[in-house]
Amino acid sequence: MLTLAGPAVAILFAAVFLGIWSYWKRLRYLLWLAAAFFLFSLAALSQILLIPHDFGLNAVVSCILYTVSVLVFADGILMRLGLRSNYFLNLSLGGVIVGGIAYFYYIDRSLHARIYILNFGLALLLLATALKTRRAARRPIDRVLFWTLFIFALQFFPRTIFTLGYVGSGRDLATLTQSPFWIWLNFSFIVFTVMVGLALSAAVVSDIVSTLHRKATTDPLTGLLNRRGFEEFAKHLVSRAAPHPLRMIVFDIDEFKSINDLYGHHGGDEVLVRLGSLISENIRVSDAAARLGGEEFAVLISNLDRNDVYALAERLRNEIAQTRFGSGRLRKRMVTASFGVAEVQRGENLQEALRRADEMLYAAKRAGRNRTIATWLSAGFAAQ
């Protein structure tokens, strides 16, 4: 029962992750995790049921399955955090593990050497993966997952060293599976499979909640924040910004209605999508950009002086005027935007700052469009 519990738990988690992925296909790493747990269960069953029946071939086949399961698991863990595996290092170490198992069975037969190679090799793969996730583990659940993986990887070393003397001769399956080494091996696998599986399940739930929140606060067309997300970000930034100044850039596309009328809503959407990319390319990670609605956009900026904020608005305005949007007839049209810039006063709420920036935007419209006007300047400057 103890021997079969390990693969049963692994299959259960594989089914759970596969089931979640069937509803949340954007979380692609779930496929890797499901495959890793399934391969681990196959490896354990291969050993337990002696499939294939040849003892040497069984050692090599189960080793391959264990190694591949850990490699796939490592790739899934890193994929979740947007990190890349070191495939050359991982595959090289995997090849050494499989090659070592084959060597110490068919050439220089040694059960102890095979146990050391498999356990220490898998431990190193897991340890390298855990350490690589440490810098990207910013949320509490990510840190919990890091420590779970780290401890899981480390336990391979003392468990193997302290129990190896009780492995017996290992000349037949019955002797091996009744040894203290095998009992502790399976017990530790059950405990840590459950721990890792539960930690990963909690991380998946956290990712789903984050995805739902991101959908609720993101404009689906441009990928920028929507008004709700912008207001949430602004509250967070205002609470942290003092004594650093906050400044607001608001702009909208000139004569956008005529673009929709002449080129259809598809043409208007092409302009908005490209504009979202232009904004993202020109602002800092610490700034917030949003599509407030229709063709109106806003950028909230912290810790940047007046001249630099004004220069950012001008850079965006010039880039928009120089960009050719869409295709066909639309590509021949020059698209421009008018900008208003305002400071967020101490104690002022977001709506008040937006209203004053809007006033500057409409002043730019009245002055002839395609220009930037800031609250601290008496007049805007026309495009060159």
Foldseek 3Di string as FASTA:
>chain_A
DLLLLLLVLLQVLLVVLVVVCVVVVVLVLSPLSSQLSNLLSVLSCCLQVVVVVPPLVSLLVSLLSNLVSLVSNLQSLQVNLVHHDPVVVSVVLSVVLSVQSNCCVPPVPDPLSNLCSSLLSSLVSLQVSLVVQVVSQPDPLSVLLSVLSNVLSVVSVVLSVVQVVFQPPPPDSVSRCPTPSNSSVSVSSSVSSVVNSVSVVVVVVVVVVVVVVLVVQADPLARAGEPVVVQVLVVVCLVVQPPWWKKKKKKFKPPLVVQCVPVNVVQSSQLNNVLSVLVVVLDDPSKGKYDHDDGMIMIMDIRDDPVVVQVSVLVSQVVQQPAQTDDDPSSPDGIGMFMFMEIQDVPHHPVVNVVNSVVQRVVCVVVPGSWYDYPVDPDIDHDD
